[in-house]
C-alpha cells in the first residue's frame, strides 16, 4: 500500500545521514522537511530488468560450473602439479638414501682408521686416512644433493596446495555470486509480477495528497524515562467528505553511535474523547480510524510518547501521514512528514522544553470538527485487519541497504 513506500522512504532518508542529524541539535529539531516521494518503474522497465537479472543469473551459474571443474582438476592425483610434486618427493627420497649410504661410509672409514695397530706402517695409515677423506667428501656432496632435492619437493608440494586453495576460493566467490544473482532475479521477477497484478486492479481514490497531517505540541527535547503529550491534526483538503481515513504514526530513534534504538523502548499511544483512555498504536502504526471527515474540516488525535528509562541519548523522529483510499489515481504517494526531536539521558532536564509552533491551518478550508462529536470527522477505535500486511521496517544500516527493495515493492491493500 502507499503508506508503506512513503514511510520506508522517510525512514531511509532519516537514517542515511545520522552524523548530520545528531550534530544539528535543537535547531534541526524545529525544522520540518518536505515529504518524500518515489516514482514507480513502468512494466516495460521491469520486464527489461527481469530479463537482465535472468541473464546475469545464467552467467553466474556458468561461472560456478567452471569453478567446480577447476577444483576437481586441481585436487586430482593426475593434476600436473600433483604429478610434479610426487616426482620431486621421490627424487628427495632417493637423495636421502644416498646421503645415508655416504654417512655410513664415513663412519666405516673412521672405524678402520681408529683400529689400526700402533705398529702399522705409514703407508697403511696414509691409505686409511685417504679413504676417510674421500668418504667425507662424498658424504658432503650427498648432503648437498639431498638438501636441494628436499627444497624442490617442498616447493612443488606448496605449488600444488596453493593451486587447490586458489581453486576453492574461486569456487566460493562463484557460488556467492550465484546466490546474489538468484536473489536479484527472484526480486526482479516478483516486482514484475506484482506490477502486472497491480495494473489489473484499476480501483483508485483520487485526491490522497489533499489530506494533510500536522503534529503540534511535540517538544524538541524529551528525556528518557518521561512521557509527553501532543496531537496529530488531520485535515481534509478535498471538496467532498471522506468516509474513512487511516492516521499513521511511527516513532524511530538512534543513539549517538547511530545504532537504531529498540522499538520496545519507545511507547506510542493515542486517544480521543470517544475512544476513552489511551490505546497503543497497533502493529501497523495506526492510531484508530477517522470516519466521515467533512470537506475542508480537520480532526485531532491525541498522542502520548513514553520513553523507557533505558532509552539511550540520541536523535528521534516522529513520522505522520493519513491514507485516503488505497491507490491515488495520479500515482502519487501520501505525504509522509517527519518531526525530529532530541532524546536526553534519563534524569536530564530539557533546555527550553519548547514545543513547536507549527501552522495548523487546514489545507483547503478553515472549518474544524471536534473528534467524534458530530457525524463529520469521527475517529473510531478499530483493530488491525488480518488482511493487512505488517510494515517491514528494519533499523540502522540494514534498513538503509534494504530501503530500495521496500520502496520497489508493490502497493498492497489495507482494509477498506
Protein backbone atom coordinates (compact mmCIF):
# COMPACT_ATOMS: atom_id res chain seq x y z
CA UNK A 1 0.00 0.00 0.00
CA UNK A 2 1.08 3.64 -0.49
CA UNK A 3 1.88 4.33 3.16
CA UNK A 4 4.49 1.53 3.21
CA UNK A 5 6.55 3.16 0.49
CA UNK A 6 6.23 6.66 1.92
CA UNK A 7 7.18 5.52 5.42
CA UNK A 8 10.12 3.43 4.19
CA UNK A 9 11.37 6.37 2.12
CA UNK A 10 11.10 8.80 5.02
CA UNK A 11 12.85 6.50 7.50
CA UNK A 12 15.59 5.71 4.97
CA UNK A 13 16.16 9.43 4.47
CA UNK A 14 16.45 9.88 8.23
CA UNK A 15 19.00 7.10 8.79
CA UNK A 16 21.25 7.78 5.78
CA UNK A 17 22.71 10.91 7.38
CA UNK A 18 22.90 10.18 11.15
CA UNK A 19 26.01 12.32 11.74
CA UNK A 20 24.32 15.44 10.41
CA UNK A 21 21.13 14.67 12.32
CA UNK A 22 22.81 14.10 15.67
CA UNK A 23 25.09 17.11 15.42
CA UNK A 24 22.45 19.62 14.35
CA UNK A 25 20.85 19.88 17.82
CA UNK A 26 17.60 21.68 18.69
CA UNK A 27 17.82 23.92 15.63
CA UNK A 28 17.22 20.89 13.40
CA UNK A 29 14.52 19.63 15.73
CA UNK A 30 12.40 22.67 14.91
CA UNK A 31 12.67 22.07 11.16
CA UNK A 32 10.04 20.19 9.15
CA UNK A 33 11.46 18.75 5.87
CA UNK A 34 9.22 18.21 2.87
CA UNK A 35 7.55 14.86 2.23
CA UNK A 36 9.42 12.21 0.25
CA UNK A 37 8.07 10.54 -2.89
CA UNK A 38 9.21 7.65 -5.05
CA UNK A 39 8.34 7.21 -8.73
CA UNK A 40 7.28 3.73 -9.81
CA UNK A 41 9.09 1.98 -12.69
CA UNK A 42 6.96 1.05 -15.69
CA UNK A 43 6.11 -2.55 -16.57
CA UNK A 44 8.37 -2.27 -19.63
CA UNK A 45 11.25 -1.19 -17.41
CA UNK A 46 10.55 -4.04 -15.00
CA UNK A 47 10.45 -6.55 -17.88
CA UNK A 48 13.82 -5.29 -19.07
CA UNK A 49 15.22 -5.53 -15.53
CA UNK A 50 13.86 -9.07 -15.12
CA UNK A 51 15.45 -10.17 -18.41
CA UNK A 52 18.80 -8.67 -17.40
CA UNK A 53 18.62 -10.36 -13.98
CA UNK A 54 17.85 -13.71 -15.65
CA UNK A 55 20.86 -13.34 -17.96
CA UNK A 56 23.10 -12.40 -15.02
CA UNK A 57 21.93 -15.47 -13.10
CA UNK A 58 22.60 -17.78 -16.06
CA UNK A 59 26.09 -16.29 -16.46
CA UNK A 60 26.74 -16.79 -12.74
CA UNK A 61 25.69 -20.45 -12.99
CA UNK A 62 28.09 -20.98 -15.91
CA UNK A 63 30.93 -19.38 -13.97
CA UNK A 64 30.19 -21.54 -10.94
CA UNK A 65 30.22 -24.70 -13.10
CA UNK A 66 33.64 -23.76 -14.49
CA UNK A 67 34.91 -23.11 -10.96
CA UNK A 68 33.74 -26.54 -9.78
CA UNK A 69 35.52 -28.18 -12.69
CA UNK A 70 38.68 -26.26 -11.80
CA UNK A 71 38.50 -27.53 -8.20
CA UNK A 72 38.13 -31.11 -9.41
CA UNK A 73 41.12 -30.71 -11.72
CA UNK A 74 43.29 -29.07 -9.06
CA UNK A 75 42.59 -31.79 -6.46
CA UNK A 76 43.01 -34.76 -8.81
CA UNK A 77 46.00 -37.09 -8.34
CA UNK A 78 46.65 -36.76 -12.07
CA UNK A 79 46.83 -32.96 -11.93
CA UNK A 80 50.17 -31.81 -13.43
CA UNK A 81 51.22 -30.04 -10.24
CA UNK A 82 50.45 -33.11 -8.11
CA UNK A 83 52.41 -35.32 -10.54
CA UNK A 84 55.30 -32.88 -10.34
CA UNK A 85 55.16 -32.86 -6.54
CA UNK A 86 55.18 -36.67 -6.37
CA UNK A 87 58.20 -36.85 -8.69
CA UNK A 88 60.07 -34.27 -6.61
CA UNK A 89 59.24 -36.16 -3.44
CA UNK A 90 60.56 -39.38 -4.94
CA UNK A 91 63.76 -37.62 -6.01
CA UNK A 92 64.18 -36.26 -2.49
CA UNK A 93 63.77 -39.77 -1.08
CA UNK A 94 66.48 -41.13 -3.39
CA UNK A 95 68.84 -38.32 -2.37
CA UNK A 96 68.18 -39.01 1.31
CA UNK A 97 69.01 -42.71 0.82
CA UNK A 98 72.27 -41.80 -0.98
CA UNK A 99 73.25 -39.43 1.82
CA UNK A 100 72.58 -42.20 4.37
CA UNK A 101 74.94 -44.57 2.46
CA UNK A 102 77.61 -41.87 2.27
CA UNK A 103 77.33 -41.18 6.01
CA UNK A 104 77.79 -44.91 6.74
CA UNK A 105 80.93 -44.98 4.54
CA UNK A 106 82.39 -42.16 6.61
CA UNK A 107 81.56 -44.00 9.80
CA UNK A 108 83.21 -47.23 8.48
CA UNK A 109 86.35 -45.43 7.28
CA UNK A 110 86.70 -43.69 10.64
CA UNK A 111 86.33 -47.05 12.44
CA UNK A 112 89.08 -48.67 10.29
CA UNK A 113 91.44 -45.77 10.88
CA UNK A 114 90.84 -45.86 14.61
CA UNK A 115 91.52 -49.64 14.78
CA UNK A 116 94.90 -49.56 13.03
CA UNK A 117 97.57 -51.11 15.28
CA UNK A 118 100.25 -48.88 16.72
CA UNK A 119 102.93 -50.59 14.61
CA UNK A 120 101.00 -50.06 11.35
CA UNK A 121 103.13 -48.78 8.55
CA UNK A 122 102.95 -45.20 7.44
CA UNK A 123 101.63 -46.35 4.07
CA UNK A 124 98.75 -48.25 5.67
CA UNK A 125 97.82 -45.27 7.84
CA UNK A 126 98.03 -42.90 4.87
CA UNK A 127 95.76 -45.18 2.86
CA UNK A 128 93.17 -45.35 5.66
CA UNK A 129 93.20 -41.58 6.06
CA UNK A 130 92.66 -41.13 2.32
CA UNK A 131 89.66 -43.48 2.40
CA UNK A 132 88.17 -41.44 5.26
CA UNK A 133 88.77 -38.14 3.48
CA UNK A 134 87.16 -39.41 0.28
CA UNK A 135 84.18 -40.74 2.23
CA UNK A 136 83.66 -37.38 3.94
CA UNK A 137 83.81 -35.61 0.61
CA UNK A 138 81.23 -37.97 -0.88
CA UNK A 139 79.01 -37.53 2.17
CA UNK A 140 79.19 -33.75 1.89
CA UNK A 141 78.22 -33.94 -1.78
CA UNK A 142 75.31 -36.29 -0.97
CA UNK A 143 74.07 -33.94 1.74
CA UNK A 144 74.02 -31.04 -0.71
CA UNK A 145 72.11 -33.07 -3.27
CA UNK A 146 69.62 -34.12 -0.60
CA UNK A 147 69.08 -30.53 0.57
CA UNK A 148 68.38 -29.35 -2.95
CA UNK A 149 66.01 -32.24 -3.62
CA UNK A 150 64.07 -31.73 -0.37
CA UNK A 151 63.65 -27.99 -1.03
CA UNK A 152 62.49 -28.78 -4.54
CA UNK A 153 59.94 -31.27 -3.20
CA UNK A 154 58.63 -28.77 -0.64
CA UNK A 155 58.25 -26.08 -3.30
CA UNK A 156 56.42 -28.45 -5.64
CA UNK A 157 54.04 -29.52 -2.87
CA UNK A 158 53.33 -25.90 -1.91
CA UNK A 159 52.66 -25.03 -5.53
CA UNK A 160 50.09 -27.84 -5.79
CA UNK A 161 48.45 -26.85 -2.50
CA UNK A 162 48.31 -23.16 -3.48
CA UNK A 163 46.61 -24.13 -6.72
CA UNK A 164 43.99 -26.07 -4.75
CA UNK A 165 43.38 -23.14 -2.38
CA UNK A 166 43.04 -20.72 -5.30
CA UNK A 167 40.55 -23.04 -6.98
CA UNK A 168 38.44 -23.33 -3.81
CA UNK A 169 38.49 -19.55 -3.31
CA UNK A 170 37.33 -19.02 -6.88
CA UNK A 171 34.54 -21.55 -6.33
CA UNK A 172 33.41 -19.77 -3.15
CA UNK A 173 33.27 -16.43 -4.94
CA UNK A 174 31.35 -18.02 -7.80
CA UNK A 175 28.77 -19.65 -5.51
CA UNK A 176 28.25 -16.38 -3.60
CA UNK A 177 27.81 -14.54 -6.90
CA UNK A 178 25.26 -17.15 -7.95
CA UNK A 179 23.30 -16.65 -4.71
CA UNK A 180 23.31 -12.88 -5.21
CA UNK A 181 22.25 -13.21 -8.84
CA UNK A 182 19.45 -15.61 -7.90
CA UNK A 183 18.15 -13.24 -5.23
CA UNK A 184 18.23 -10.37 -7.71
CA UNK A 185 16.42 -12.48 -10.31
CA UNK A 186 13.71 -13.51 -7.82
CA UNK A 187 13.26 -9.89 -6.70
CA UNK A 188 13.02 -8.68 -10.29
CA UNK A 189 10.53 -11.43 -11.18
CA UNK A 190 8.41 -10.60 -8.13
CA UNK A 191 8.48 -6.87 -8.84
CA UNK A 192 7.31 -7.54 -12.39
CA UNK A 193 4.58 -9.95 -11.28
CA UNK A 194 3.38 -7.54 -8.60
CA UNK A 195 3.31 -4.64 -11.07
CA UNK A 196 1.28 -6.66 -13.57
CA UNK A 197 -1.15 -7.69 -10.83
CA UNK A 198 -1.46 -4.11 -9.61
CA UNK A 199 -2.09 -2.94 -13.18
CA UNK A 200 -5.00 -5.37 -13.35
CA UNK A 201 -6.58 -3.68 -10.29
CA UNK A 202 -7.73 -0.27 -11.55
CA UNK A 203 -9.52 0.78 -8.35
CA UNK A 204 -8.14 4.05 -7.03
CA UNK A 205 -9.13 7.02 -4.91
CA UNK A 206 -8.20 10.49 -6.22
CA UNK A 207 -7.07 13.33 -4.02
CA UNK A 208 -4.97 11.49 -1.41
CA UNK A 209 -2.38 14.26 -1.45
CA UNK A 210 -5.04 16.75 -0.38
CA UNK A 211 -5.21 15.08 3.04
CA UNK A 212 -2.65 16.76 5.29
CA UNK A 213 -1.24 15.83 8.70
CA UNK A 214 0.44 18.14 11.21
CA UNK A 215 1.92 17.40 14.65
CA UNK A 216 1.50 20.05 17.33
CA UNK A 217 2.96 20.17 20.82
CA UNK A 218 5.88 17.77 20.27
CA UNK A 219 8.87 19.19 22.23
CA UNK A 220 12.29 19.49 20.65
CA UNK A 221 13.82 17.58 23.60
CA UNK A 222 12.48 14.60 25.57
CA UNK A 223 14.32 12.91 28.45
CA UNK A 224 14.44 9.12 28.82
CA UNK A 225 12.07 7.86 31.50
CA UNK A 226 9.49 10.58 30.80
CA UNK A 227 6.41 10.98 28.62
CA UNK A 228 4.99 13.82 26.58
CA UNK A 229 1.55 14.51 25.14
CA UNK A 230 0.98 16.11 21.76
CA UNK A 231 -1.58 15.85 18.96
CA UNK A 232 -1.97 14.91 15.30
CA UNK A 233 -4.24 17.11 13.20
CA UNK A 234 -5.71 15.58 10.04
CA UNK A 235 -7.20 17.97 7.50
CA UNK A 236 -9.46 17.10 4.57
CA UNK A 237 -8.36 19.46 1.82
CA UNK A 238 -10.66 17.90 -0.78
CA UNK A 239 -14.00 19.29 -1.90
CA UNK A 240 -16.00 16.34 -0.59
CA UNK A 241 -16.41 14.39 2.62
CA UNK A 242 -14.09 11.42 3.19
CA UNK A 243 -15.78 8.36 4.65
CA UNK A 244 -12.68 6.73 6.09
CA UNK A 245 -9.10 7.82 6.83
CA UNK A 246 -6.25 5.95 8.49
CA UNK A 247 -3.94 8.05 10.72
CA UNK A 248 -0.41 6.62 10.68
CA UNK A 249 2.16 7.46 13.35
CA UNK A 250 5.61 5.95 13.71
CA UNK A 251 8.49 6.78 16.05
CA UNK A 252 12.09 5.88 15.19
CA UNK A 253 15.28 6.71 17.12
CA UNK A 254 19.06 6.17 17.01
CA UNK A 255 21.65 6.54 19.75
CA UNK A 256 24.72 8.76 19.46
CA UNK A 257 26.61 5.88 17.78
CA UNK A 258 23.93 5.87 15.06
CA UNK A 259 22.54 2.46 16.10
CA UNK A 260 18.76 2.03 15.93
CA UNK A 261 17.09 2.16 19.33
CA UNK A 262 14.95 -0.87 20.16
CA UNK A 263 11.30 -0.22 19.37
CA UNK A 264 10.45 -1.74 22.76
CA UNK A 265 11.87 1.37 24.46
CA UNK A 266 9.55 3.75 22.57
CA UNK A 267 5.87 3.53 23.56
CA UNK A 268 3.40 5.46 21.40
CA UNK A 269 -0.29 5.69 22.35
CA UNK A 270 -3.36 7.52 21.03
CA UNK A 271 -6.64 8.68 22.46
CA UNK A 272 -9.82 10.55 21.59
CA UNK A 273 -12.82 11.66 23.63
CA UNK A 274 -14.85 8.84 22.14
CA UNK A 275 -12.24 6.07 22.46
CA UNK A 276 -11.80 6.64 26.19
CA UNK A 277 -8.37 6.20 27.75
CA UNK A 278 -5.09 5.57 25.96
CA UNK A 279 -4.60 2.83 23.39
CA UNK A 280 -1.33 1.54 21.92
CA UNK A 281 -0.68 2.30 18.27
CA UNK A 282 -1.19 -1.03 16.50
CA UNK A 283 1.43 -3.17 14.76
CA UNK A 284 0.83 -1.27 11.51
CA UNK A 285 1.46 2.07 13.27
CA UNK A 286 -2.21 3.10 13.00
CA UNK A 287 -3.91 5.37 15.52
CA UNK A 288 -7.52 4.34 15.02
CA UNK A 289 -9.72 5.36 12.08
CA UNK A 290 -11.15 8.75 11.17
CA UNK A 291 -14.67 8.44 9.76
CA UNK A 292 -16.83 10.93 7.87
CA UNK A 293 -14.43 13.88 7.75
CA UNK A 294 -16.24 16.75 6.00
CA UNK A 295 -14.72 18.72 3.14
CA UNK A 296 -12.33 21.38 4.49
CA UNK A 297 -12.64 20.07 8.05
CA UNK A 298 -9.98 18.78 10.38
CA UNK A 299 -9.89 16.49 13.40
CA UNK A 300 -7.30 15.93 16.12
CA UNK A 301 -5.91 12.72 17.57
CA UNK A 302 -4.21 12.95 20.97
CA UNK A 303 -0.85 11.18 21.13
CA UNK A 304 1.39 10.23 24.04
CA UNK A 305 5.04 9.18 23.69
CA UNK A 306 6.68 7.38 26.60
CA UNK A 307 10.44 6.80 26.59
CA UNK A 308 11.72 3.93 28.70
CA UNK A 309 14.32 4.95 31.29
CA UNK A 310 16.82 2.73 29.43
CA UNK A 311 16.42 4.70 26.21
CA UNK A 312 19.89 5.95 25.19
CA UNK A 313 20.51 9.59 24.39
CA UNK A 314 20.37 10.36 20.70
CA UNK A 315 18.02 11.54 17.95
CA UNK A 316 14.39 10.62 17.40
CA UNK A 317 11.86 11.16 14.64
CA UNK A 318 8.08 11.10 14.62
CA UNK A 319 6.59 10.25 11.22
CA UNK A 320 2.94 11.00 10.43
CA UNK A 321 0.58 10.52 7.50
CA UNK A 322 -3.05 9.79 6.71
CA UNK A 323 -4.13 7.42 3.96
CA UNK A 324 -7.25 8.26 1.96
CA UNK A 325 -8.24 5.30 -0.19
CA UNK A 326 -5.93 2.55 -1.37
CA UNK A 327 -4.25 3.89 -4.54
CA UNK A 328 -4.24 7.51 -5.75
CA UNK A 329 -5.27 7.74 -9.42
CA UNK A 330 -2.42 10.12 -10.15
CA UNK A 331 0.17 7.57 -8.94
CA UNK A 332 1.45 9.86 -6.19
CA UNK A 333 2.16 8.90 -2.60
CA UNK A 334 0.53 10.34 0.54
CA UNK A 335 2.65 12.97 2.30
CA UNK A 336 4.89 11.49 4.99
CA UNK A 337 6.17 14.25 7.29
CA UNK A 338 8.89 13.77 9.86
CA UNK A 339 9.43 15.71 13.08
CA UNK A 340 12.90 15.43 14.71
CA UNK A 341 13.41 15.59 18.45
CA UNK A 342 16.44 15.11 20.69
CA UNK A 343 16.44 12.29 23.27
CA UNK A 344 18.21 13.23 26.51
CA UNK A 345 19.61 10.76 29.01
CA UNK A 346 17.42 9.71 31.93
CA UNK A 347 17.39 12.39 34.63
CA UNK A 348 18.43 15.21 32.27
CA UNK A 349 16.27 18.32 32.05
CA UNK A 350 15.29 19.63 28.60
CA UNK A 351 16.71 23.07 27.86
CA UNK A 352 13.78 25.25 26.97
CA UNK A 353 11.36 22.37 26.61
CA UNK A 354 9.95 24.46 23.77
CA UNK A 355 7.11 22.93 21.76
CA UNK A 356 6.89 23.55 18.05
CA UNK A 357 4.60 26.27 16.78
CA UNK A 358 3.71 24.57 13.51
CA UNK A 359 0.98 26.25 11.49
CA UNK A 360 -2.18 24.19 11.91
CA UNK A 361 -4.28 25.98 9.31
CA UNK A 362 -6.10 23.21 7.43
CA UNK A 363 -5.40 22.72 3.74
CA UNK A 364 -8.40 23.67 1.61
CA UNK A 365 -10.58 25.35 4.27
CA UNK A 366 -10.80 26.80 7.74
CA UNK A 367 -13.63 24.85 9.33
CA UNK A 368 -12.84 22.45 12.13
CA UNK A 369 -14.63 19.41 13.51
CA UNK A 370 -14.46 18.12 17.05
CA UNK A 371 -13.50 14.46 17.19
CA UNK A 372 -16.47 12.10 17.41
CA UNK A 373 -18.94 14.81 18.44
CA UNK A 374 -20.82 15.09 15.12
CA UNK A 375 -21.31 12.95 12.04
CA UNK A 376 -18.26 14.63 10.49
CA UNK A 377 -14.73 13.74 11.46
CA UNK A 378 -15.34 10.79 13.76
CA UNK A 379 -12.33 8.74 14.83
CA UNK A 380 -13.24 5.13 15.53
CA UNK A 381 -11.15 2.81 17.71
CA UNK A 382 -10.77 -0.21 15.42
CA UNK A 383 -8.25 -3.03 15.42
CA UNK A 384 -5.94 -4.02 12.59
CA UNK A 385 -7.25 -6.09 9.71
CA UNK A 386 -5.92 -9.62 9.33
CA UNK A 387 -5.69 -8.96 5.60
CA UNK A 388 -3.30 -6.04 6.04
CA UNK A 389 0.43 -6.90 5.79
CA UNK A 390 2.67 -5.62 8.55
CA UNK A 391 5.14 -2.87 7.74
CA UNK A 392 8.59 -4.38 7.28
CA UNK A 393 10.89 -1.72 8.72
CA UNK A 394 14.44 -2.66 9.79
CA UNK A 395 16.82 -0.41 11.75
CA UNK A 396 20.26 1.12 11.26
CA UNK A 397 22.46 0.10 8.32
CA UNK A 398 20.25 -2.90 7.44
CA UNK A 399 17.31 -0.61 6.72
CA UNK A 400 19.45 1.67 4.55
CA UNK A 401 20.58 -1.29 2.43
CA UNK A 402 17.04 -2.68 2.13
CA UNK A 403 15.14 0.58 1.70
CA UNK A 404 15.27 0.40 -2.09
CA UNK A 405 13.76 -3.06 -2.12
CA UNK A 406 10.97 -1.99 0.27
CA UNK A 407 10.18 1.08 -1.82
CA UNK A 408 10.12 -1.00 -5.03
CA UNK A 409 7.65 -3.49 -3.55
CA UNK A 410 4.14 -3.24 -4.89
CA UNK A 411 1.47 -1.33 -3.04
CA UNK A 412 -0.54 -3.73 -1.03
CA UNK A 413 -4.11 -3.17 0.07
CA UNK A 414 -5.16 -2.08 3.52
CA UNK A 415 -8.60 -2.90 4.86
CA UNK A 416 -11.32 -0.64 3.49
